[in-house]
Structure formats: C-alpha cells, structure tokens
Amino acid sequence: MEKIITDANFQNELAAGLPLVVDFSATWCGPCRRVAPIIEELAKEYEGRVTVGKCDVDENENLCAQFGVRNVPTILFIKDGQVVDKVVGAAPKADFVKKIEALL
C-alpha cells in the first residue's frame, strides 16, 4: 500500500534512503482518481525497493510550495533527495514504470 506523505513525515521518508515517488493529488480531482489505482499497484510491486506515496495538496501546503506543485496530479520521482523526473496529469502505468525503473 502506498504511504501517506505529509509535511511532517517527508524528511523521514527521504532519510530512509529509498527512491521516492510522490503523487501530489486531491480528493476532488478526477484525473487524480484515475491515477490512484496505478499508484497503489506500483506501491505493491516496488515495495522494499522504492517508497511510493500520496500527498494531499489541500493538507500539505509546505510540500506543494517546496516543489512548486501547481497542478494535480503531479507525480515526482526523487532520488538522493533530488527530483529527477515528474509527470503532470494522468498517464498510463507504463509511463510510471519506465520512470521508476530509471530510479533503480
């Protein structure tokens, strides 16, 4: 299952050392709801190798500001504390898999 990423726990997730995939989304967002099952599948498939999480933009304004998230969904791919790739908007699972494999 994907982790819930918040302003409060983000640094701890980074410190864990695994690559991090964060889905910045909102409950009211249609494209976010289309991406949600894909994110959940990826969290299961990459468990132990990549941390896959969701961040509610309405509840975590500091993280949104830190990463310049203005549109949802925005999915960030983070390695060694740096954003190395991102997807803005809904995309097929294969696109996410390709980007995650590049993190490994």
PDB file of N, CA and C in Angstrom:
ATOM      1  N   MET A   1       0.838  -1.188   0.000  1.00  0.00           N
ATOM      2  CA  MET A   1       0.000   0.000   0.000  1.00  0.00           C
ATOM      3  C   MET A   1       0.883   1.252   0.000  1.00  0.00           C
ATOM      4  N   GLU A   2       0.432   2.267  -0.703  1.00  0.00           N
ATOM      5  CA  GLU A   2       1.207   3.494  -0.766  1.00  0.00           C
ATOM      6  C   GLU A   2       1.207   4.191   0.595  1.00  0.00           C
ATOM      7  N   LYS A   3       2.288   4.922   0.868  1.00  0.00           N
ATOM      8  CA  LYS A   3       2.405   5.663   2.116  1.00  0.00           C
ATOM      9  C   LYS A   3       1.710   7.003   1.975  1.00  0.00           C
ATOM     10  N   ILE A   4       1.284   7.538   3.099  1.00  0.00           N
ATOM     11  CA  ILE A   4       0.748   8.893   3.116  1.00  0.00           C
ATOM     12  C   ILE A   4       1.921   9.815   3.431  1.00  0.00           C
ATOM     13  N   ILE A   5       2.227  10.709   2.511  1.00  0.00           N
ATOM     14  CA  ILE A   5       3.329  11.643   2.667  1.00  0.00           C
ATOM     15  C   ILE A   5       2.751  12.983   3.111  1.00  0.00           C
ATOM     16  N   THR A   6       3.324  13.532   4.167  1.00  0.00           N
ATOM     17  CA  THR A   6       2.838  14.803   4.706  1.00  0.00           C
ATOM     18  C   THR A   6       4.009  15.763   4.910  1.00  0.00           C
ATOM     19  N   ASP A   7       3.665  17.024   5.201  1.00  0.00           N
ATOM     20  CA  ASP A   7       4.700  17.990   5.560  1.00  0.00           C
ATOM     21  C   ASP A   7       5.532  17.455   6.722  1.00  0.00           C
ATOM     22  N   ALA A   8       4.868  16.769   7.660  1.00  0.00           N
ATOM     23  CA  ALA A   8       5.520  16.310   8.888  1.00  0.00           C
ATOM     24  C   ALA A   8       6.458  15.123   8.676  1.00  0.00           C
ATOM     25  N   ASN A   9       6.132  14.203   7.760  1.00  0.00           N
ATOM     26  CA  ASN A   9       6.950  12.991   7.647  1.00  0.00           C
ATOM     27  C   ASN A   9       7.821  12.931   6.393  1.00  0.00           C
ATOM     28  N   PHE A  10       7.773  13.934   5.557  1.00  0.00           N
ATOM     29  CA  PHE A  10       8.508  13.896   4.289  1.00  0.00           C
ATOM     30  C   PHE A  10      10.010  13.694   4.500  1.00  0.00           C
ATOM     31  N   GLN A  11      10.607  14.451   5.413  1.00  0.00           N
ATOM     32  CA  GLN A  11      12.054  14.333   5.634  1.00  0.00           C
ATOM     33  C   GLN A  11      12.429  12.936   6.109  1.00  0.00           C
ATOM     34  N   ASN A  12      11.583  12.311   6.918  1.00  0.00           N
ATOM     35  CA  ASN A  12      11.851  10.945   7.381  1.00  0.00           C
ATOM     36  C   ASN A  12      11.837   9.967   6.215  1.00  0.00           C
ATOM     37  N   GLU A  13      10.904  10.159   5.291  1.00  0.00           N
ATOM     38  CA  GLU A  13      10.831   9.284   4.115  1.00  0.00           C
ATOM     39  C   GLU A  13      12.071   9.469   3.245  1.00  0.00           C
ATOM     40  N   LEU A  14      12.525  10.701   3.091  1.00  0.00           N
ATOM     41  CA  LEU A  14      13.754  10.957   2.335  1.00  0.00           C
ATOM     42  C   LEU A  14      14.949  10.289   3.007  1.00  0.00           C
ATOM     43  N   ALA A  15      15.011  10.411   4.327  1.00  0.00           N
ATOM     44  CA  ALA A  15      16.141   9.876   5.088  1.00  0.00           C
ATOM     45  C   ALA A  15      16.217   8.350   5.036  1.00  0.00           C
ATOM     46  N   ALA A  16      15.106   7.696   4.703  1.00  0.00           N
ATOM     47  CA  ALA A  16      15.087   6.237   4.632  1.00  0.00           C
ATOM     48  C   ALA A  16      16.022   5.715   3.540  1.00  0.00           C
ATOM     49  N   GLY A  17      16.350   6.557   2.568  1.00  0.00           N
ATOM     50  CA  GLY A  17      17.346   6.184   1.572  1.00  0.00           C
ATOM     51  C   GLY A  17      16.822   5.550   0.302  1.00  0.00           C
ATOM     52  N   LEU A  18      15.552   5.158   0.287  1.00  0.00           N
ATOM     53  CA  LEU A  18      14.991   4.571  -0.936  1.00  0.00           C
ATOM     54  C   LEU A  18      14.569   5.681  -1.890  1.00  0.00           C
ATOM     55  N   PRO A  19      14.593   5.397  -3.200  1.00  0.00           N
ATOM     56  CA  PRO A  19      13.991   6.354  -4.123  1.00  0.00           C
ATOM     57  C   PRO A  19      12.536   6.585  -3.709  1.00  0.00           C
ATOM     58  N   LEU A  20      12.030   7.768  -3.991  1.00  0.00           N
ATOM     59  CA  LEU A  20      10.704   8.167  -3.531  1.00  0.00           C
ATOM     60  C   LEU A  20       9.862   8.638  -4.712  1.00  0.00           C
ATOM     61  N   VAL A  21       8.662   8.106  -4.810  1.00  0.00           N
ATOM     62  CA  VAL A  21       7.695   8.547  -5.816  1.00  0.00           C
ATOM     63  C   VAL A  21       6.520   9.126  -5.047  1.00  0.00           C
ATOM     64  N   VAL A  22       6.221  10.406  -5.277  1.00  0.00           N
ATOM     65  CA  VAL A  22       5.156  11.075  -4.537  1.00  0.00           C
ATOM     66  C   VAL A  22       4.093  11.569  -5.514  1.00  0.00           C
ATOM     67  N   ASP A  23       2.881  11.100  -5.287  1.00  0.00           N
ATOM     68  CA  ASP A  23       1.717  11.515  -6.070  1.00  0.00           C
ATOM     69  C   ASP A  23       1.037  12.655  -5.325  1.00  0.00           C
ATOM     70  N   PHE A  24       1.222  13.881  -5.804  1.00  0.00           N
ATOM     71  CA  PHE A  24       0.526  15.040  -5.243  1.00  0.00           C
ATOM     72  C   PHE A  24      -0.859  15.071  -5.870  1.00  0.00           C
ATOM     73  N   SER A  25      -1.887  14.909  -5.038  1.00  0.00           N
ATOM     74  CA  SER A  25      -3.248  14.778  -5.561  1.00  0.00           C
ATOM     75  C   SER A  25      -4.253  15.433  -4.626  1.00  0.00           C
ATOM     76  N   ALA A  26      -5.515  15.391  -5.045  1.00  0.00           N
ATOM     77  CA  ALA A  26      -6.612  15.940  -4.245  1.00  0.00           C
ATOM     78  C   ALA A  26      -7.834  15.044  -4.411  1.00  0.00           C
ATOM     79  N   THR A  27      -8.624  14.957  -3.366  1.00  0.00           N
ATOM     80  CA  THR A  27      -9.804  14.090  -3.397  1.00  0.00           C
ATOM     81  C   THR A  27     -10.822  14.552  -4.434  1.00  0.00           C
ATOM     82  N   TRP A  28     -10.850  15.844  -4.755  1.00  0.00           N
ATOM     83  CA  TRP A  28     -11.840  16.397  -5.673  1.00  0.00           C
ATOM     84  C   TRP A  28     -11.402  16.321  -7.143  1.00  0.00           C
ATOM     85  N   CYS A  29     -10.221  15.785  -7.391  1.00  0.00           N
ATOM     86  CA  CYS A  29      -9.610  15.805  -8.726  1.00  0.00           C
ATOM     87  C   CYS A  29      -9.904  14.512  -9.495  1.00  0.00           C
ATOM     88  N   GLY A  30     -10.589  14.628 -10.629  1.00  0.00           N
ATOM     89  CA  GLY A  30     -10.921  13.468 -11.460  1.00  0.00           C
ATOM     90  C   GLY A  30      -9.699  12.715 -11.969  1.00  0.00           C
ATOM     91  N   PRO A  31      -8.733  13.395 -12.596  1.00  0.00           N
ATOM     92  CA  PRO A  31      -7.539  12.692 -13.060  1.00  0.00           C
ATOM     93  C   PRO A  31      -6.771  12.026 -11.912  1.00  0.00           C
ATOM     94  N   CYS A  32      -6.821  12.629 -10.730  1.00  0.00           N
ATOM     95  CA  CYS A  32      -6.153  12.023  -9.559  1.00  0.00           C
ATOM     96  C   CYS A  32      -6.793  10.680  -9.229  1.00  0.00           C
ATOM     97  N   ARG A  33      -8.098  10.618  -9.341  1.00  0.00           N
ATOM     98  CA  ARG A  33      -8.803   9.362  -9.042  1.00  0.00           C
ATOM     99  C   ARG A  33      -8.473   8.294 -10.090  1.00  0.00           C
ATOM    100  N   ARG A  34      -8.182   8.710 -11.320  1.00  0.00           N
ATOM    101  CA  ARG A  34      -7.780   7.739 -12.347  1.00  0.00           C
ATOM    102  C   ARG A  34      -6.378   7.210 -12.091  1.00  0.00           C
ATOM    103  N   VAL A  35      -5.503   8.038 -11.566  1.00  0.00           N
ATOM    104  CA  VAL A  35      -4.119   7.640 -11.306  1.00  0.00           C
ATOM    105  C   VAL A  35      -4.003   6.823 -10.012  1.00  0.00           C
ATOM    106  N   ALA A  36      -4.899   7.042  -9.060  1.00  0.00           N
ATOM    107  CA  ALA A  36      -4.805   6.410  -7.727  1.00  0.00           C
ATOM    108  C   ALA A  36      -4.619   4.895  -7.765  1.00  0.00           C
ATOM    109  N   PRO A  37      -5.405   4.146  -8.558  1.00  0.00           N
ATOM    110  CA  PRO A  37      -5.195   2.690  -8.562  1.00  0.00           C
ATOM    111  C   PRO A  37      -3.828   2.287  -9.121  1.00  0.00           C
ATOM    112  N   ILE A  38      -3.304   3.069 -10.049  1.00  0.00           N
ATOM    113  CA  ILE A  38      -1.983   2.792 -10.613  1.00  0.00           C
ATOM    114  C   ILE A  38      -0.919   2.995  -9.535  1.00  0.00           C
ATOM    115  N   ILE A  39      -1.040   4.072  -8.786  1.00  0.00           N
ATOM    116  CA  ILE A  39      -0.086   4.358  -7.713  1.00  0.00           C
ATOM    117  C   ILE A  39      -0.125   3.243  -6.679  1.00  0.00           C
ATOM    118  N   GLU A  40      -1.309   2.773  -6.347  1.00  0.00           N
ATOM    119  CA  GLU A  40      -1.456   1.689  -5.380  1.00  0.00           C
ATOM    120  C   GLU A  40      -0.774   0.410  -5.886  1.00  0.00           C
ATOM    121  N   GLU A  41      -0.971   0.086  -7.167  1.00  0.00           N
ATOM    122  CA  GLU A  41      -0.322  -1.099  -7.755  1.00  0.00           C
ATOM    123  C   GLU A  41       1.198  -0.962  -7.714  1.00  0.00           C
ATOM    124  N   LEU A  42       1.694   0.209  -8.065  1.00  0.00           N
ATOM    125  CA  LEU A  42       3.136   0.430  -8.083  1.00  0.00           C
ATOM    126  C   LEU A  42       3.730   0.304  -6.682  1.00  0.00           C
ATOM    127  N   ALA A  43       3.005   0.779  -5.684  1.00  0.00           N
ATOM    128  CA  ALA A  43       3.474   0.673  -4.298  1.00  0.00           C
ATOM    129  C   ALA A  43       3.668  -0.791  -3.919  1.00  0.00           C
ATOM    130  N   LYS A  44       2.750  -1.647  -4.344  1.00  0.00           N
ATOM    131  CA  LYS A  44       2.866  -3.078  -4.045  1.00  0.00           C
ATOM    132  C   LYS A  44       4.002  -3.714  -4.831  1.00  0.00           C
ATOM    133  N   GLU A  45       4.088  -3.377  -6.117  1.00  0.00           N
ATOM    134  CA  GLU A  45       5.076  -4.006  -6.995  1.00  0.00           C
ATOM    135  C   GLU A  45       6.514  -3.624  -6.636  1.00  0.00           C
ATOM    136  N   TYR A  46       6.722  -2.418  -6.144  1.00  0.00           N
ATOM    137  CA  TYR A  46       8.076  -1.941  -5.855  1.00  0.00           C
ATOM    138  C   TYR A  46       8.371  -1.872  -4.361  1.00  0.00           C
ATOM    139  N   GLU A  47       7.525  -2.485  -3.543  1.00  0.00           N
ATOM    140  CA  GLU A  47       7.713  -2.462  -2.091  1.00  0.00           C
ATOM    141  C   GLU A  47       9.111  -2.958  -1.727  1.00  0.00           C
ATOM    142  N   GLY A  48       9.773  -2.210  -0.867  1.00  0.00           N
ATOM    143  CA  GLY A  48      11.123  -2.573  -0.446  1.00  0.00           C
ATOM    144  C   GLY A  48      12.219  -2.015  -1.336  1.00  0.00           C
ATOM    145  N   ARG A  49      11.862  -1.573  -2.539  1.00  0.00           N
ATOM    146  CA  ARG A  49      12.855  -1.005  -3.457  1.00  0.00           C
ATOM    147  C   ARG A  49      12.644   0.487  -3.685  1.00  0.00           C
ATOM    148  N   VAL A  50      11.374   0.916  -3.643  1.00  0.00           N
ATOM    149  CA  VAL A  50      11.002   2.309  -3.859  1.00  0.00           C
ATOM    150  C   VAL A  50       9.858   2.624  -2.905  1.00  0.00           C
ATOM    151  N   THR A  51       9.900   3.803  -2.291  1.00  0.00           N
ATOM    152  CA  THR A  51       8.770   4.253  -1.483  1.00  0.00           C
ATOM    153  C   THR A  51       7.814   4.996  -2.397  1.00  0.00           C
ATOM    154  N   VAL A  52       6.589   4.522  -2.470  1.00  0.00           N
ATOM    155  CA  VAL A  52       5.561   5.159  -3.293  1.00  0.00           C
ATOM    156  C   VAL A  52       4.513   5.725  -2.346  1.00  0.00           C
ATOM    157  N   GLY A  53       4.235   7.011  -2.492  1.00  0.00           N
ATOM    158  CA  GLY A  53       3.299   7.640  -1.571  1.00  0.00           C
ATOM    159  C   GLY A  53       2.406   8.662  -2.223  1.00  0.00           C
ATOM    160  N   LYS A  54       1.402   9.064  -1.444  1.00  0.00           N
ATOM    161  CA  LYS A  54       0.448  10.076  -1.887  1.00  0.00           C
ATOM    162  C   LYS A  54       0.523  11.259  -0.935  1.00  0.00           C
ATOM    163  N   CYS A  55       0.388  12.450  -1.491  1.00  0.00           N
ATOM    164  CA  CYS A  55       0.389  13.670  -0.700  1.00  0.00           C
ATOM    165  C   CYS A  55      -0.843  14.486  -1.088  1.00  0.00           C
ATOM    166  N   ASP A  56      -1.711  14.741  -0.121  1.00  0.00           N
ATOM    167  CA  ASP A  56      -2.913  15.541  -0.357  1.00  0.00           C
ATOM    168  C   ASP A  56      -2.510  17.013  -0.400  1.00  0.00           C
ATOM    169  N   VAL A  57      -2.709  17.653  -1.558  1.00  0.00           N
ATOM    170  CA  VAL A  57      -2.266  19.037  -1.725  1.00  0.00           C
ATOM    171  C   VAL A  57      -3.033  20.009  -0.838  1.00  0.00           C
ATOM    172  N   ASP A  58      -4.264  19.671  -0.493  1.00  0.00           N
ATOM    173  CA  ASP A  58      -5.060  20.565   0.350  1.00  0.00           C
ATOM    174  C   ASP A  58      -4.594  20.556   1.800  1.00  0.00           C
ATOM    175  N   GLU A  59      -3.895  19.507   2.218  1.00  0.00           N
ATOM    176  CA  GLU A  59      -3.475  19.374   3.616  1.00  0.00           C
ATOM    177  C   GLU A  59      -1.975  19.588   3.818  1.00  0.00           C
ATOM    178  N   ASN A  60      -1.216  19.717   2.746  1.00  0.00           N
ATOM    179  CA  ASN A  60       0.249  19.794   2.847  1.00  0.00           C
ATOM    180  C   ASN A  60       0.810  20.909   1.968  1.00  0.00           C
ATOM    181  N   GLU A  61       0.457  22.122   2.314  1.00  0.00           N
ATOM    182  CA  GLU A  61       0.837  23.279   1.501  1.00  0.00           C
ATOM    183  C   GLU A  61       2.345  23.504   1.453  1.00  0.00           C
ATOM    184  N   ASN A  62       3.057  23.162   2.541  1.00  0.00           N
ATOM    185  CA  ASN A  62       4.508  23.387   2.557  1.00  0.00           C
ATOM    186  C   ASN A  62       5.225  22.546   1.509  1.00  0.00           C
ATOM    187  N   LEU A  63       4.849  21.262   1.391  1.00  0.00           N
ATOM    188  CA  LEU A  63       5.473  20.407   0.381  1.00  0.00           C
ATOM    189  C   LEU A  63       5.139  20.885  -1.023  1.00  0.00           C
ATOM    190  N   CYS A  64       3.902  21.292  -1.216  1.00  0.00           N
ATOM    191  CA  CYS A  64       3.499  21.806  -2.535  1.00  0.00           C
ATOM    192  C   CYS A  64       4.339  23.021  -2.909  1.00  0.00           C
ATOM    193  N   ALA A  65       4.530  23.925  -1.954  1.00  0.00           N
ATOM    194  CA  ALA A  65       5.342  25.114  -2.203  1.00  0.00           C
ATOM    195  C   ALA A  65       6.802  24.741  -2.447  1.00  0.00           C
ATOM    196  N   GLN A  66       7.311  23.808  -1.657  1.00  0.00           N
ATOM    197  CA  GLN A  66       8.709  23.394  -1.786  1.00  0.00           C
ATOM    198  C   GLN A  66       9.016  22.868  -3.179  1.00  0.00           C
ATOM    199  N   PHE A  67       8.065  22.118  -3.753  1.00  0.00           N
ATOM    200  CA  PHE A  67       8.294  21.508  -5.059  1.00  0.00           C
ATOM    201  C   PHE A  67       7.582  22.231  -6.203  1.00  0.00           C
ATOM    202  N   GLY A  68       6.940  23.347  -5.923  1.00  0.00           N
ATOM    203  CA  GLY A  68       6.288  24.127  -6.977  1.00  0.00           C
ATOM    204  C   GLY A  68       5.118  23.408  -7.626  1.00  0.00           C
ATOM    205  N   VAL A  69       4.398  22.602  -6.843  1.00  0.00           N
ATOM    206  CA  VAL A  69       3.254  21.859  -7.381  1.00  0.00           C
ATOM    207  C   VAL A  69       2.083  22.823  -7.543  1.00  0.00           C
ATOM    208  N   ARG A  70       1.645  22.984  -8.798  1.00  0.00           N
ATOM    209  CA  ARG A  70       0.530  23.892  -9.083  1.00  0.00           C
ATOM    210  C   ARG A  70      -0.651  23.173  -9.724  1.00  0.00           C
ATOM    211  N   ASN A  71      -0.395  21.997 -10.253  1.00  0.00           N
ATOM    212  CA  ASN A  71      -1.448  21.219 -10.912  1.00  0.00           C
ATOM    213  C   ASN A  71      -1.480  19.820 -10.310  1.00  0.00           C
ATOM    214  N   VAL A  72      -2.663  19.232 -10.293  1.00  0.00           N
ATOM    215  CA  VAL A  72      -2.802  17.868  -9.800  1.00  0.00           C
ATOM    216  C   VAL A  72      -3.445  17.001 -10.873  1.00  0.00           C
ATOM    217  N   PRO A  73      -3.045  15.751 -10.951  1.00  0.00           N
ATOM    218  CA  PRO A  73      -1.965  15.156 -10.198  1.00  0.00           C
ATOM    219  C   PRO A  73      -0.596  15.560 -10.738  1.00  0.00           C
ATOM    220  N   THR A  74       0.357  15.691  -9.827  1.00  0.00           N
ATOM    221  CA  THR A  74       1.769  15.833 -10.166  1.00  0.00           C
ATOM    222  C   THR A  74       2.492  14.712  -9.436  1.00  0.00           C
ATOM    223  N   ILE A  75       3.217  13.903 -10.176  1.00  0.00           N
ATOM    224  CA  ILE A  75       3.939  12.787  -9.583  1.00  0.00           C
ATOM    225  C   ILE A  75       5.428  13.087  -9.714  1.00  0.00           C
ATOM    226  N   LEU A  76       6.114  13.165  -8.558  1.00  0.00           N
ATOM    227  CA  LEU A  76       7.544  13.452  -8.541  1.00  0.00           C
ATOM    228  C   LEU A  76       8.325  12.172  -8.299  1.00  0.00           C
ATOM    229  N   PHE A  77       9.464  12.065  -8.979  1.00  0.00           N
ATOM    230  CA  PHE A  77      10.370  10.934  -8.839  1.00  0.00           C
ATOM    231  C   PHE A  77      11.660  11.483  -8.227  1.00  0.00           C
ATOM    232  N   ILE A  78      11.949  11.065  -6.989  1.00  0.00           N
ATOM    233  CA  ILE A  78      13.031  11.649  -6.207  1.00  0.00           C
ATOM    234  C   ILE A  78      14.078  10.583  -5.890  1.00  0.00           C
ATOM    235  N   LYS A  79      15.334  10.924  -6.176  1.00  0.00           N
ATOM    236  CA  LYS A  79      16.452  10.019  -5.864  1.00  0.00           C
ATOM    237  C   LYS A  79      17.540  10.847  -5.199  1.00  0.00           C
ATOM    238  N   ASP A  80      18.071  10.341  -4.101  1.00  0.00           N
ATOM    239  CA  ASP A  80      19.125  11.027  -3.354  1.00  0.00           C
ATOM    240  C   ASP A  80      18.710  12.460  -2.998  1.00  0.00           C
ATOM    241  N   GLY A  81      17.435  12.646  -2.677  1.00  0.00           N
ATOM    242  CA  GLY A  81      16.930  13.942  -2.245  1.00  0.00           C
ATOM    243  C   GLY A  81      16.634  14.931  -3.350  1.00  0.00           C
ATOM    244  N   GLN A  82      16.868  14.536  -4.599  1.00  0.00           N
ATOM    245  CA  GLN A  82      16.667  15.439  -5.730  1.00  0.00           C
ATOM    246  C   GLN A  82      15.558  14.934  -6.647  1.00  0.00           C
ATOM    247  N   VAL A  83      14.724  15.851  -7.132  1.00  0.00           N
ATOM    248  CA  VAL A  83      13.703  15.487  -8.114  1.00  0.00           C
ATOM    249  C   VAL A  83      14.416  15.228  -9.434  1.00  0.00           C
ATOM    250  N   VAL A  84      14.270  13.993  -9.933  1.00  0.00           N
ATOM    251  CA  VAL A  84      14.940  13.630 -11.182  1.00  0.00           C
ATOM    252  C   VAL A  84      13.969  13.530 -12.351  1.00  0.00           C
ATOM    253  N   ASP A  85      12.668  13.478 -12.051  1.00  0.00           N
ATOM    254  CA  ASP A  85      11.665  13.409 -13.117  1.00  0.00           C
ATOM    255  C   ASP A  85      10.303  13.738 -12.527  1.00  0.00           C
ATOM    256  N   LYS A  86       9.356  14.050 -13.396  1.00  0.00           N
ATOM    257  CA  LYS A  86       7.993  14.268 -12.924  1.00  0.00           C
ATOM    258  C   LYS A  86       7.005  14.062 -14.053  1.00  0.00           C
ATOM    259  N   VAL A  87       5.770  13.779 -13.650  1.00  0.00           N
ATOM    260  CA  VAL A  87       4.656  13.655 -14.578  1.00  0.00           C
ATOM    261  C   VAL A  87       3.556  14.568 -14.050  1.00  0.00           C
ATOM    262  N   VAL A  88       3.034  15.415 -14.923  1.00  0.00           N
ATOM    263  CA  VAL A  88       1.913  16.266 -14.553  1.00  0.00           C
ATOM    264  C   VAL A  88       0.706  15.785 -15.347  1.00  0.00           C
ATOM    265  N   GLY A  89      -0.362  15.420 -14.625  1.00  0.00           N
ATOM    266  CA  GLY A  89      -1.569  14.900 -15.267  1.00  0.00           C
ATOM    267  C   GLY A  89      -1.581  13.382 -15.248  1.00  0.00           C
ATOM    268  N   ALA A  90      -2.690  12.836 -15.687  1.00  0.00           N
ATOM    269  CA  ALA A  90      -2.845  11.379 -15.721  1.00  0.00           C
ATOM    270  C   ALA A  90      -1.978  10.802 -16.837  1.00  0.00           C
ATOM    271  N   ALA A  91      -1.450   9.621 -16.589  1.00  0.00           N
ATOM    272  CA  ALA A  91      -0.614   8.932 -17.576  1.00  0.00           C
ATOM    273  C   ALA A  91      -0.826   7.437 -17.410  1.00  0.00           C
ATOM    274  N   PRO A  92      -0.498   6.647 -18.444  1.00  0.00           N
ATOM    275  CA  PRO A  92      -0.625   5.192 -18.321  1.00  0.00           C
ATOM    276  C   PRO A  92       0.436   4.615 -17.383  1.00  0.00           C
ATOM    277  N   LYS A  93       0.144   3.461 -16.841  1.00  0.00           N
ATOM    278  CA  LYS A  93       1.040   2.798 -15.899  1.00  0.00           C
ATOM    279  C   LYS A  93       2.426   2.609 -16.493  1.00  0.00           C
ATOM    280  N   ALA A  94       2.515   2.280 -17.758  1.00  0.00           N
ATOM    281  CA  ALA A  94       3.816   2.032 -18.396  1.00  0.00           C
ATOM    282  C   ALA A  94       4.739   3.254 -18.287  1.00  0.00           C
ATOM    283  N   ASP A  95       4.180   4.446 -18.351  1.00  0.00           N
ATOM    284  CA  ASP A  95       4.991   5.659 -18.221  1.00  0.00           C
ATOM    285  C   ASP A  95       5.613   5.737 -16.834  1.00  0.00           C
ATOM    286  N   PHE A  96       4.823   5.402 -15.810  1.00  0.00           N
ATOM    287  CA  PHE A  96       5.322   5.442 -14.436  1.00  0.00           C
ATOM    288  C   PHE A  96       6.382   4.361 -14.212  1.00  0.00           C
ATOM    289  N   VAL A  97       6.128   3.175 -14.746  1.00  0.00           N
ATOM    290  CA  VAL A  97       7.079   2.074 -14.593  1.00  0.00           C
ATOM    291  C   VAL A  97       8.432   2.458 -15.187  1.00  0.00           C
ATOM    292  N   LYS A  98       8.431   3.056 -16.374  1.00  0.00           N
ATOM    293  CA  LYS A  98       9.667   3.461 -17.034  1.00  0.00           C
ATOM    294  C   LYS A  98      10.457   4.443 -16.163  1.00  0.00           C
ATOM    295  N   LYS A  99       9.758   5.382 -15.564  1.00  0.00           N
ATOM    296  CA  LYS A  99      10.421   6.386 -14.732  1.00  0.00           C
ATOM    297  C   LYS A  99      10.922   5.779 -13.422  1.00  0.00           C
ATOM    298  N   ILE A 100      10.155   4.852 -12.850  1.00  0.00           N
ATOM    299  CA  ILE A 100      10.600   4.185 -11.619  1.00  0.00           C
ATOM    300  C   ILE A 100      11.822   3.320 -11.901  1.00  0.00           C
ATOM    301  N   GLU A 101      11.807   2.589 -12.998  1.00  0.00           N
ATOM    302  CA  GLU A 101      12.961   1.746 -13.336  1.00  0.00           C
ATOM    303  C   GLU A 101      14.224   2.586 -13.511  1.00  0.00           C
ATOM    304  N   ALA A 102      14.073   3.808 -14.006  1.00  0.00           N
ATOM    305  CA  ALA A 102      15.229   4.701 -14.161  1.00  0.00           C
ATOM    306  C   ALA A 102      15.795   5.124 -12.803  1.00  0.00           C
ATOM    307  N   LEU A 103      14.960   5.085 -11.745  1.00  0.00           N
ATOM    308  CA  LEU A 103      15.430   5.434 -10.399  1.00  0.00           C
ATOM    309  C   LEU A 103      16.300   4.341  -9.797  1.00  0.00           C
ATOM    310  N   LEU A 104      16.071   3.104 -10.244  1.00  0.00           N
ATOM    311  CA  LEU A 104      16.739   1.955  -9.618  1.00  0.00           C
ATOM    312  C   LEU A 104      18.141   1.693 -10.157  1.00  0.00           C
TER     313      LEU A 104
END
